[in-house]
């Protein structure tokens, strides 16, 4: 687990940090750099009609949740993000029809 995440967890006792020793840990900078890819993956899942329940079990959802938990002022809650993307996709589909 990165030192940045450990420090953030110490500052906020309600923060849930998952330390998975079997996979390499990601730094906050790496998560932030991949944010556009996670957003694109979320949009693609919504466009494909995948349910929220299934989306919540994906890597992109976990990473979006981790970013929000670590830096809540910079990254919105994935549920809110999902709702915004879903509304946008639904509007685009309605216009197309």
PDB file of N, CA and C in Angstrom:
ATOM      1  N   UNK A   1       0.843  -1.161   0.000  1.00  0.00           N
ATOM      2  CA  UNK A   1       0.000   0.000   0.000  1.00  0.00           C
ATOM      3  C   UNK A   1       0.895   1.233   0.000  1.00  0.00           C
ATOM      4  N   UNK A   2       0.536   2.238  -0.769  1.00  0.00           N
ATOM      5  CA  UNK A   2       1.370   3.416  -0.873  1.00  0.00           C
ATOM      6  C   UNK A   2       1.349   4.205   0.439  1.00  0.00           C
ATOM      7  N   UNK A   3       2.400   4.934   0.628  1.00  0.00           N
ATOM      8  CA  UNK A   3       2.510   5.758   1.837  1.00  0.00           C
ATOM      9  C   UNK A   3       1.446   6.842   1.857  1.00  0.00           C
ATOM     10  N   UNK A   4       1.078   7.351   0.677  1.00  0.00           N
ATOM     11  CA  UNK A   4       0.056   8.397   0.600  1.00  0.00           C
ATOM     12  C   UNK A   4      -1.296   7.878   1.103  1.00  0.00           C
ATOM     13  N   UNK A   5      -1.636   6.649   0.704  1.00  0.00           N
ATOM     14  CA  UNK A   5      -2.899   6.066   1.153  1.00  0.00           C
ATOM     15  C   UNK A   5      -2.871   5.772   2.648  1.00  0.00           C
ATOM     16  N   UNK A   6      -1.728   5.291   3.149  1.00  0.00           N
ATOM     17  CA  UNK A   6      -1.604   5.030   4.584  1.00  0.00           C
ATOM     18  C   UNK A   6      -1.781   6.315   5.374  1.00  0.00           C
ATOM     19  N   UNK A   7      -1.152   7.393   4.891  1.00  0.00           N
ATOM     20  CA  UNK A   7      -1.265   8.680   5.574  1.00  0.00           C
ATOM     21  C   UNK A   7      -2.707   9.181   5.556  1.00  0.00           C
ATOM     22  N   UNK A   8      -3.382   9.021   4.415  1.00  0.00           N
ATOM     23  CA  UNK A   8      -4.778   9.452   4.312  1.00  0.00           C
ATOM     24  C   UNK A   8      -5.666   8.638   5.241  1.00  0.00           C
ATOM     25  N   UNK A   9      -5.390   7.338   5.365  1.00  0.00           N
ATOM     26  CA  UNK A   9      -6.172   6.472   6.243  1.00  0.00           C
ATOM     27  C   UNK A   9      -5.971   6.855   7.706  1.00  0.00           C
ATOM     28  N   UNK A  10      -4.776   7.269   8.068  1.00  0.00           N
ATOM     29  CA  UNK A  10      -4.516   7.685   9.445  1.00  0.00           C
ATOM     30  C   UNK A  10      -5.254   8.980   9.773  1.00  0.00           C
ATOM     31  N   UNK A  11      -5.375   9.871   8.798  1.00  0.00           N
ATOM     32  CA  UNK A  11      -6.053  11.145   9.016  1.00  0.00           C
ATOM     33  C   UNK A  11      -7.564  10.972   9.115  1.00  0.00           C
ATOM     34  N   UNK A  12      -8.103  10.013   8.400  1.00  0.00           N
ATOM     35  CA  UNK A  12      -9.547   9.793   8.385  1.00  0.00           C
ATOM     36  C   UNK A  12      -9.839   8.358   8.817  1.00  0.00           C
ATOM     37  N   UNK A  13     -10.220   8.137  10.074  1.00  0.00           N
ATOM     38  CA  UNK A  13     -10.434   6.781  10.568  1.00  0.00           C
ATOM     39  C   UNK A  13     -11.611   6.059   9.907  1.00  0.00           C
ATOM     40  N   UNK A  14     -12.492   6.789   9.234  1.00  0.00           N
ATOM     41  CA  UNK A  14     -13.623   6.145   8.571  1.00  0.00           C
ATOM     42  C   UNK A  14     -13.252   5.630   7.185  1.00  0.00           C
ATOM     43  N   UNK A  15     -12.071   5.994   6.717  1.00  0.00           N
ATOM     44  CA  UNK A  15     -11.631   5.580   5.384  1.00  0.00           C
ATOM     45  C   UNK A  15     -11.298   4.103   5.368  1.00  0.00           C
ATOM     46  N   UNK A  16     -11.806   3.425   4.366  1.00  0.00           N
ATOM     47  CA  UNK A  16     -11.560   1.996   4.217  1.00  0.00           C
ATOM     48  C   UNK A  16     -10.468   1.806   3.171  1.00  0.00           C
ATOM     49  N   UNK A  17      -9.351   1.231   3.581  1.00  0.00           N
ATOM     50  CA  UNK A  17      -8.246   0.985   2.664  1.00  0.00           C
ATOM     51  C   UNK A  17      -8.057  -0.509   2.537  1.00  0.00           C
ATOM     52  N   UNK A  18      -8.024  -0.983   1.321  1.00  0.00           N
ATOM     53  CA  UNK A  18      -7.843  -2.403   1.064  1.00  0.00           C
ATOM     54  C   UNK A  18      -6.386  -2.625   0.684  1.00  0.00           C
ATOM     55  N   UNK A  19      -5.716  -3.470   1.446  1.00  0.00           N
ATOM     56  CA  UNK A  19      -4.326  -3.786   1.173  1.00  0.00           C
ATOM     57  C   UNK A  19      -4.263  -5.198   0.607  1.00  0.00           C
ATOM     58  N   UNK A  20      -4.096  -5.292  -0.685  1.00  0.00           N
ATOM     59  CA  UNK A  20      -4.060  -6.584  -1.347  1.00  0.00           C
ATOM     60  C   UNK A  20      -2.617  -6.904  -1.693  1.00  0.00           C
ATOM     61  N   UNK A  21      -1.986  -7.764  -0.904  1.00  0.00           N
ATOM     62  CA  UNK A  21      -0.569  -8.066  -1.071  1.00  0.00           C
ATOM     63  C   UNK A  21      -0.284  -8.861  -2.341  1.00  0.00           C
ATOM     64  N   UNK A  22      -1.289  -9.491  -2.923  1.00  0.00           N
ATOM     65  CA  UNK A  22      -1.050 -10.309  -4.106  1.00  0.00           C
ATOM     66  C   UNK A  22      -0.902  -9.480  -5.380  1.00  0.00           C
ATOM     67  N   UNK A  23      -1.335  -8.224  -5.354  1.00  0.00           N
ATOM     68  CA  UNK A  23      -1.199  -7.377  -6.527  1.00  0.00           C
ATOM     69  C   UNK A  23      -0.362  -6.148  -6.173  1.00  0.00           C
ATOM     70  N   UNK A  24       0.325  -5.592  -7.153  1.00  0.00           N
ATOM     71  CA  UNK A  24       1.139  -4.414  -6.862  1.00  0.00           C
ATOM     72  C   UNK A  24       0.250  -3.245  -6.460  1.00  0.00           C
ATOM     73  N   UNK A  25       0.691  -2.469  -5.513  1.00  0.00           N
ATOM     74  CA  UNK A  25      -0.120  -1.352  -5.048  1.00  0.00           C
ATOM     75  C   UNK A  25       0.003  -0.186  -6.014  1.00  0.00           C
ATOM     76  N   UNK A  26      -1.043   0.576  -6.088  1.00  0.00           N
ATOM     77  CA  UNK A  26      -1.089   1.740  -6.957  1.00  0.00           C
ATOM     78  C   UNK A  26      -0.873   2.996  -6.140  1.00  0.00           C
ATOM     79  N   UNK A  27      -0.199   3.947  -6.713  1.00  0.00           N
ATOM     80  CA  UNK A  27      -0.050   5.231  -6.048  1.00  0.00           C
ATOM     81  C   UNK A  27      -1.237   6.110  -6.416  1.00  0.00           C
ATOM     82  N   UNK A  28      -1.428   7.147  -5.648  1.00  0.00           N
ATOM     83  CA  UNK A  28      -2.505   8.089  -5.947  1.00  0.00           C
ATOM     84  C   UNK A  28      -2.258   8.711  -7.318  1.00  0.00           C
ATOM     85  N   UNK A  29      -1.000   9.005  -7.632  1.00  0.00           N
ATOM     86  CA  UNK A  29      -0.671   9.592  -8.933  1.00  0.00           C
ATOM     87  C   UNK A  29      -1.052   8.646 -10.076  1.00  0.00           C
ATOM     88  N   UNK A  30      -0.818   7.354  -9.898  1.00  0.00           N
ATOM     89  CA  UNK A  30      -1.192   6.385 -10.929  1.00  0.00           C
ATOM     90  C   UNK A  30      -2.711   6.309 -11.080  1.00  0.00           C
ATOM     91  N   UNK A  31      -3.418   6.341  -9.961  1.00  0.00           N
ATOM     92  CA  UNK A  31      -4.882   6.326 -10.020  1.00  0.00           C
ATOM     93  C   UNK A  31      -5.396   7.571 -10.731  1.00  0.00           C
ATOM     94  N   UNK A  32      -4.830   8.723 -10.373  1.00  0.00           N
ATOM     95  CA  UNK A  32      -5.262   9.974 -10.992  1.00  0.00           C
ATOM     96  C   UNK A  32      -4.968   9.988 -12.493  1.00  0.00           C
ATOM     97  N   UNK A  33      -3.827   9.454 -12.877  1.00  0.00           N
ATOM     98  CA  UNK A  33      -3.465   9.423 -14.294  1.00  0.00           C
ATOM     99  C   UNK A  33      -4.413   8.533 -15.091  1.00  0.00           C
ATOM    100  N   UNK A  34      -4.958   7.519 -14.451  1.00  0.00           N
ATOM    101  CA  UNK A  34      -5.861   6.585 -15.132  1.00  0.00           C
ATOM    102  C   UNK A  34      -7.329   6.975 -15.011  1.00  0.00           C
ATOM    103  N   UNK A  35      -7.626   8.059 -14.341  1.00  0.00           N
ATOM    104  CA  UNK A  35      -9.009   8.491 -14.131  1.00  0.00           C
ATOM    105  C   UNK A  35      -9.806   8.585 -15.442  1.00  0.00           C
ATOM    106  N   UNK A  36      -9.260   9.201 -16.501  1.00  0.00           N
ATOM    107  CA  UNK A  36     -10.043   9.252 -17.751  1.00  0.00           C
ATOM    108  C   UNK A  36     -10.390   7.865 -18.302  1.00  0.00           C
ATOM    109  N   UNK A  37      -9.501   6.915 -18.137  1.00  0.00           N
ATOM    110  CA  UNK A  37      -9.773   5.552 -18.611  1.00  0.00           C
ATOM    111  C   UNK A  37     -10.890   4.914 -17.795  1.00  0.00           C
ATOM    112  N   UNK A  38     -10.904   5.142 -16.490  1.00  0.00           N
ATOM    113  CA  UNK A  38     -11.967   4.595 -15.643  1.00  0.00           C
ATOM    114  C   UNK A  38     -13.313   5.217 -16.014  1.00  0.00           C
ATOM    115  N   UNK A  39     -13.307   6.514 -16.303  1.00  0.00           N
ATOM    116  CA  UNK A  39     -14.549   7.188 -16.711  1.00  0.00           C
ATOM    117  C   UNK A  39     -15.046   6.650 -18.051  1.00  0.00           C
ATOM    118  N   UNK A  40     -14.120   6.419 -18.967  1.00  0.00           N
ATOM    119  CA  UNK A  40     -14.489   5.877 -20.276  1.00  0.00           C
ATOM    120  C   UNK A  40     -15.047   4.469 -20.130  1.00  0.00           C
ATOM    121  N   UNK A  41     -14.421   3.661 -19.276  1.00  0.00           N
ATOM    122  CA  UNK A  41     -14.914   2.299 -19.043  1.00  0.00           C
ATOM    123  C   UNK A  41     -16.318   2.335 -18.449  1.00  0.00           C
ATOM    124  N   UNK A  42     -16.551   3.241 -17.503  1.00  0.00           N
ATOM    125  CA  UNK A  42     -17.878   3.375 -16.900  1.00  0.00           C
ATOM    126  C   UNK A  42     -18.900   3.746 -17.966  1.00  0.00           C
ATOM    127  N   UNK A  43     -18.555   4.713 -18.814  1.00  0.00           N
ATOM    128  CA  UNK A  43     -19.483   5.131 -19.885  1.00  0.00           C
ATOM    129  C   UNK A  43     -19.788   3.967 -20.832  1.00  0.00           C
ATOM    130  N   UNK A  44     -18.773   3.194 -21.184  1.00  0.00           N
ATOM    131  CA  UNK A  44     -18.980   2.057 -22.083  1.00  0.00           C
ATOM    132  C   UNK A  44     -19.892   1.010 -21.446  1.00  0.00           C
ATOM    133  N   UNK A  45     -19.711   0.766 -20.154  1.00  0.00           N
ATOM    134  CA  UNK A  45     -20.573  -0.193 -19.460  1.00  0.00           C
ATOM    135  C   UNK A  45     -22.021   0.286 -19.448  1.00  0.00           C
ATOM    136  N   UNK A  46     -22.220   1.579 -19.196  1.00  0.00           N
ATOM    137  CA  UNK A  46     -23.576   2.142 -19.178  1.00  0.00           C
ATOM    138  C   UNK A  46     -24.187   2.059 -20.575  1.00  0.00           C
ATOM    139  N   UNK A  47     -23.410   2.394 -21.602  1.00  0.00           N
ATOM    140  CA  UNK A  47     -23.912   2.322 -22.975  1.00  0.00           C
ATOM    141  C   UNK A  47     -24.294   0.901 -23.366  1.00  0.00           C
ATOM    142  N   UNK A  48     -23.589  -0.076 -22.814  1.00  0.00           N
ATOM    143  CA  UNK A  48     -23.888  -1.481 -23.099  1.00  0.00           C
ATOM    144  C   UNK A  48     -25.073  -2.006 -22.296  1.00  0.00           C
ATOM    145  N   UNK A  49     -25.626  -1.175 -21.415  1.00  0.00           N
ATOM    146  CA  UNK A  49     -26.794  -1.571 -20.652  1.00  0.00           C
ATOM    147  C   UNK A  49     -26.500  -2.447 -19.449  1.00  0.00           C
ATOM    148  N   UNK A  50     -25.271  -2.429 -18.962  1.00  0.00           N
ATOM    149  CA  UNK A  50     -24.898  -3.222 -17.784  1.00  0.00           C
ATOM    150  C   UNK A  50     -25.540  -2.592 -16.552  1.00  0.00           C
ATOM    151  N   UNK A  51     -26.066  -3.421 -15.667  1.00  0.00           N
ATOM    152  CA  UNK A  51     -26.741  -2.922 -14.470  1.00  0.00           C
ATOM    153  C   UNK A  51     -25.745  -2.321 -13.485  1.00  0.00           C
ATOM    154  N   UNK A  52     -26.239  -1.427 -12.637  1.00  0.00           N
ATOM    155  CA  UNK A  52     -25.398  -0.802 -11.619  1.00  0.00           C
ATOM    156  C   UNK A  52     -24.783  -1.856 -10.714  1.00  0.00           C
ATOM    157  N   UNK A  53     -25.547  -2.871 -10.370  1.00  0.00           N
ATOM    158  CA  UNK A  53     -25.045  -3.934  -9.507  1.00  0.00           C
ATOM    159  C   UNK A  53     -23.822  -4.616 -10.116  1.00  0.00           C
ATOM    160  N   UNK A  54     -23.868  -4.887 -11.404  1.00  0.00           N
ATOM    161  CA  UNK A  54     -22.729  -5.521 -12.079  1.00  0.00           C
ATOM    162  C   UNK A  54     -21.563  -4.550 -12.235  1.00  0.00           C
ATOM    163  N   UNK A  55     -21.871  -3.303 -12.519  1.00  0.00           N
ATOM    164  CA  UNK A  55     -20.821  -2.295 -12.663  1.00  0.00           C
ATOM    165  C   UNK A  55     -20.057  -2.132 -11.349  1.00  0.00           C
ATOM    166  N   UNK A  56     -20.759  -2.226 -10.226  1.00  0.00           N
ATOM    167  CA  UNK A  56     -20.118  -2.064  -8.923  1.00  0.00           C
ATOM    168  C   UNK A  56     -19.129  -3.185  -8.615  1.00  0.00           C
ATOM    169  N   UNK A  57     -19.110  -4.237  -9.405  1.00  0.00           N
ATOM    170  CA  UNK A  57     -18.167  -5.333  -9.202  1.00  0.00           C
ATOM    171  C   UNK A  57     -16.983  -5.274 -10.156  1.00  0.00           C
ATOM    172  N   UNK A  58     -16.809  -4.155 -10.856  1.00  0.00           N
ATOM    173  CA  UNK A  58     -15.724  -4.022 -11.822  1.00  0.00           C
ATOM    174  C   UNK A  58     -14.520  -3.311 -11.212  1.00  0.00           C
ATOM    175  N   UNK A  59     -13.394  -3.465 -11.886  1.00  0.00           N
ATOM    176  CA  UNK A  59     -12.163  -2.793 -11.453  1.00  0.00           C
ATOM    177  C   UNK A  59     -12.316  -1.281 -11.574  1.00  0.00           C
ATOM    178  N   UNK A  60     -12.932  -0.822 -12.655  1.00  0.00           N
ATOM    179  CA  UNK A  60     -13.067   0.631 -12.824  1.00  0.00           C
ATOM    180  C   UNK A  60     -13.871   1.226 -11.679  1.00  0.00           C
ATOM    181  N   UNK A  61     -14.904   0.534 -11.226  1.00  0.00           N
ATOM    182  CA  UNK A  61     -15.703   1.038 -10.102  1.00  0.00           C
ATOM    183  C   UNK A  61     -14.856   1.094  -8.831  1.00  0.00           C
ATOM    184  N   UNK A  62     -14.083   0.043  -8.582  1.00  0.00           N
ATOM    185  CA  UNK A  62     -13.226   0.024  -7.390  1.00  0.00           C
ATOM    186  C   UNK A  62     -12.233   1.179  -7.413  1.00  0.00           C
ATOM    187  N   UNK A  63     -11.669   1.448  -8.575  1.00  0.00           N
ATOM    188  CA  UNK A  63     -10.687   2.527  -8.685  1.00  0.00           C
ATOM    189  C   UNK A  63     -11.344   3.890  -8.531  1.00  0.00           C
ATOM    190  N   UNK A  64     -12.533   4.067  -9.114  1.00  0.00           N
ATOM    191  CA  UNK A  64     -13.266   5.324  -8.933  1.00  0.00           C
ATOM    192  C   UNK A  64     -13.640   5.526  -7.464  1.00  0.00           C
ATOM    193  N   UNK A  65     -14.037   4.451  -6.808  1.00  0.00           N
ATOM    194  CA  UNK A  65     -14.381   4.516  -5.382  1.00  0.00           C
ATOM    195  C   UNK A  65     -13.147   4.859  -4.553  1.00  0.00           C
ATOM    196  N   UNK A  66     -12.025   4.253  -4.884  1.00  0.00           N
ATOM    197  CA  UNK A  66     -10.783   4.518  -4.160  1.00  0.00           C
ATOM    198  C   UNK A  66     -10.352   5.977  -4.323  1.00  0.00           C
ATOM    199  N   UNK A  67     -10.465   6.500  -5.535  1.00  0.00           N
ATOM    200  CA  UNK A  67     -10.136   7.908  -5.748  1.00  0.00           C
ATOM    201  C   UNK A  67     -11.056   8.816  -4.942  1.00  0.00           C
ATOM    202  N   UNK A  68     -12.344   8.519  -4.949  1.00  0.00           N
ATOM    203  CA  UNK A  68     -13.297   9.339  -4.194  1.00  0.00           C
ATOM    204  C   UNK A  68     -13.023   9.258  -2.696  1.00  0.00           C
ATOM    205  N   UNK A  69     -12.719   8.070  -2.211  1.00  0.00           N
ATOM    206  CA  UNK A  69     -12.451   7.889  -0.785  1.00  0.00           C
ATOM    207  C   UNK A  69     -11.168   8.606  -0.378  1.00  0.00           C
ATOM    208  N   UNK A  70     -10.161   8.531  -1.233  1.00  0.00           N
ATOM    209  CA  UNK A  70      -8.875   9.143  -0.927  1.00  0.00           C
ATOM    210  C   UNK A  70      -8.911  10.661  -1.088  1.00  0.00           C
ATOM    211  N   UNK A  71      -9.530  11.129  -2.149  1.00  0.00           N
ATOM    212  CA  UNK A  71      -9.572  12.566  -2.459  1.00  0.00           C
ATOM    213  C   UNK A  71     -11.009  12.999  -2.757  1.00  0.00           C
ATOM    214  N   UNK A  72     -11.872  13.040  -1.742  1.00  0.00           N
ATOM    215  CA  UNK A  72     -13.308  13.287  -1.983  1.00  0.00           C
ATOM    216  C   UNK A  72     -13.622  14.671  -2.549  1.00  0.00           C
ATOM    217  N   UNK A  73     -12.767  15.648  -2.326  1.00  0.00           N
ATOM    218  CA  UNK A  73     -13.043  16.985  -2.865  1.00  0.00           C
ATOM    219  C   UNK A  73     -12.716  17.082  -4.350  1.00  0.00           C
ATOM    220  N   UNK A  74     -11.872  16.177  -4.830  1.00  0.00           N
ATOM    221  CA  UNK A  74     -11.466  16.223  -6.232  1.00  0.00           C
ATOM    222  C   UNK A  74     -12.239  15.237  -7.110  1.00  0.00           C
ATOM    223  N   UNK A  75     -12.707  14.139  -6.523  1.00  0.00           N
ATOM    224  CA  UNK A  75     -13.376  13.104  -7.308  1.00  0.00           C
ATOM    225  C   UNK A  75     -14.727  12.782  -6.695  1.00  0.00           C
ATOM    226  N   UNK A  76     -15.768  12.855  -7.542  1.00  0.00           N
ATOM    227  CA  UNK A  76     -17.127  12.638  -7.037  1.00  0.00           C
ATOM    228  C   UNK A  76     -17.363  11.163  -6.716  1.00  0.00           C
ATOM    229  N   UNK A  77     -18.400  10.942  -5.945  1.00  0.00           N
ATOM    230  CA  UNK A  77     -18.838   9.589  -5.582  1.00  0.00           C
ATOM    231  C   UNK A  77     -19.204   8.840  -6.867  1.00  0.00           C
ATOM    232  N   UNK A  78     -18.738   7.601  -7.025  1.00  0.00           N
ATOM    233  CA  UNK A  78     -19.051   6.853  -8.246  1.00  0.00           C
ATOM    234  C   UNK A  78     -20.550   6.678  -8.500  1.00  0.00           C
ATOM    235  N   UNK A  79     -21.355   6.645  -7.451  1.00  0.00           N
ATOM    236  CA  UNK A  79     -22.813   6.523  -7.649  1.00  0.00           C
ATOM    237  C   UNK A  79     -23.342   7.784  -8.334  1.00  0.00           C
ATOM    238  N   UNK A  80     -22.865   8.932  -7.909  1.00  0.00           N
ATOM    239  CA  UNK A  80     -23.265  10.198  -8.537  1.00  0.00           C
ATOM    240  C   UNK A  80     -22.746  10.242  -9.976  1.00  0.00           C
ATOM    241  N   UNK A  81     -21.503   9.827 -10.141  1.00  0.00           N
ATOM    242  CA  UNK A  81     -20.898   9.789 -11.480  1.00  0.00           C
ATOM    243  C   UNK A  81     -21.715   8.873 -12.398  1.00  0.00           C
ATOM    244  N   UNK A  82     -22.084   7.706 -11.891  1.00  0.00           N
ATOM    245  CA  UNK A  82     -22.910   6.760 -12.653  1.00  0.00           C
ATOM    246  C   UNK A  82     -24.229   7.417 -13.065  1.00  0.00           C
ATOM    247  N   UNK A  83     -24.879   8.084 -12.131  1.00  0.00           N
ATOM    248  CA  UNK A  83     -26.171   8.719 -12.419  1.00  0.00           C
ATOM    249  C   UNK A  83     -26.031   9.775 -13.511  1.00  0.00           C
ATOM    250  N   UNK A  84     -24.955  10.551 -13.454  1.00  0.00           N
ATOM    251  CA  UNK A  84     -24.724  11.576 -14.473  1.00  0.00           C
ATOM    252  C   UNK A  84     -24.468  10.951 -15.843  1.00  0.00           C
ATOM    253  N   UNK A  85     -23.656   9.915 -15.872  1.00  0.00           N
ATOM    254  CA  UNK A  85     -23.355   9.231 -17.132  1.00  0.00           C
ATOM    255  C   UNK A  85     -24.614   8.567 -17.681  1.00  0.00           C
ATOM    256  N   UNK A  86     -25.376   7.915 -16.812  1.00  0.00           N
ATOM    257  CA  UNK A  86     -26.612   7.227 -17.224  1.00  0.00           C
ATOM    258  C   UNK A  86     -27.596   8.221 -17.830  1.00  0.00           C
ATOM    259  N   UNK A  87     -27.759   9.366 -17.183  1.00  0.00           N
ATOM    260  CA  UNK A  87     -28.666  10.402 -17.689  1.00  0.00           C
ATOM    261  C   UNK A  87     -28.204  10.888 -19.062  1.00  0.00           C
ATOM    262  N   UNK A  88     -26.891  11.113 -19.208  1.00  0.00           N
ATOM    263  CA  UNK A  88     -26.341  11.582 -20.470  1.00  0.00           C
ATOM    264  C   UNK A  88     -26.533  10.543 -21.582  1.00  0.00           C
ATOM    265  N   UNK A  89     -26.244   9.295 -21.280  1.00  0.00           N
ATOM    266  CA  UNK A  89     -26.405   8.217 -22.270  1.00  0.00           C
ATOM    267  C   UNK A  89     -27.877   8.075 -22.659  1.00  0.00           C
ATOM    268  N   UNK A  90     -28.757   8.121 -21.674  1.00  0.00           N
ATOM    269  CA  UNK A  90     -30.195   8.015 -21.963  1.00  0.00           C
ATOM    270  C   UNK A  90     -30.669   9.171 -22.844  1.00  0.00           C
ATOM    271  N   UNK A  91     -30.187  10.393 -22.561  1.00  0.00           N
ATOM    272  CA  UNK A  91     -30.555  11.567 -23.383  1.00  0.00           C
ATOM    273  C   UNK A  91     -30.038  11.432 -24.808  1.00  0.00           C
ATOM    274  N   UNK A  92     -28.805  10.945 -24.955  1.00  0.00           N
ATOM    275  CA  UNK A  92     -28.238  10.757 -26.294  1.00  0.00           C
ATOM    276  C   UNK A  92     -29.013   9.697 -27.072  1.00  0.00           C
ATOM    277  N   UNK A  93     -29.434   8.643 -26.402  1.00  0.00           N
ATOM    278  CA  UNK A  93     -30.202   7.599 -27.072  1.00  0.00           C
ATOM    279  C   UNK A  93     -31.589   8.106 -27.458  1.00  0.00           C
ATOM    280  N   UNK A  94     -32.180   8.952 -26.610  1.00  0.00           N
ATOM    281  CA  UNK A  94     -33.502   9.493 -26.915  1.00  0.00           C
ATOM    282  C   UNK A  94     -33.429  10.443 -28.118  1.00  0.00           C
ATOM    283  N   UNK A  95     -32.356  11.219 -28.204  1.00  0.00           N
ATOM    284  CA  UNK A  95     -32.182  12.130 -29.333  1.00  0.00           C
ATOM    285  C   UNK A  95     -31.965  11.341 -30.626  1.00  0.00           C
ATOM    286  N   UNK A  96     -31.213  10.244 -30.529  1.00  0.00           N
ATOM    287  CA  UNK A  96     -30.907   9.431 -31.702  1.00  0.00           C
ATOM    288  C   UNK A  96     -32.158   8.744 -32.266  1.00  0.00           C
ATOM    289  N   UNK A  97     -33.148   8.503 -31.412  1.00  0.00           N
ATOM    290  CA  UNK A  97     -34.369   7.800 -31.855  1.00  0.00           C
ATOM    291  C   UNK A  97     -35.422   8.732 -32.300  1.00  0.00           C
TER     292      UNK A  97
END
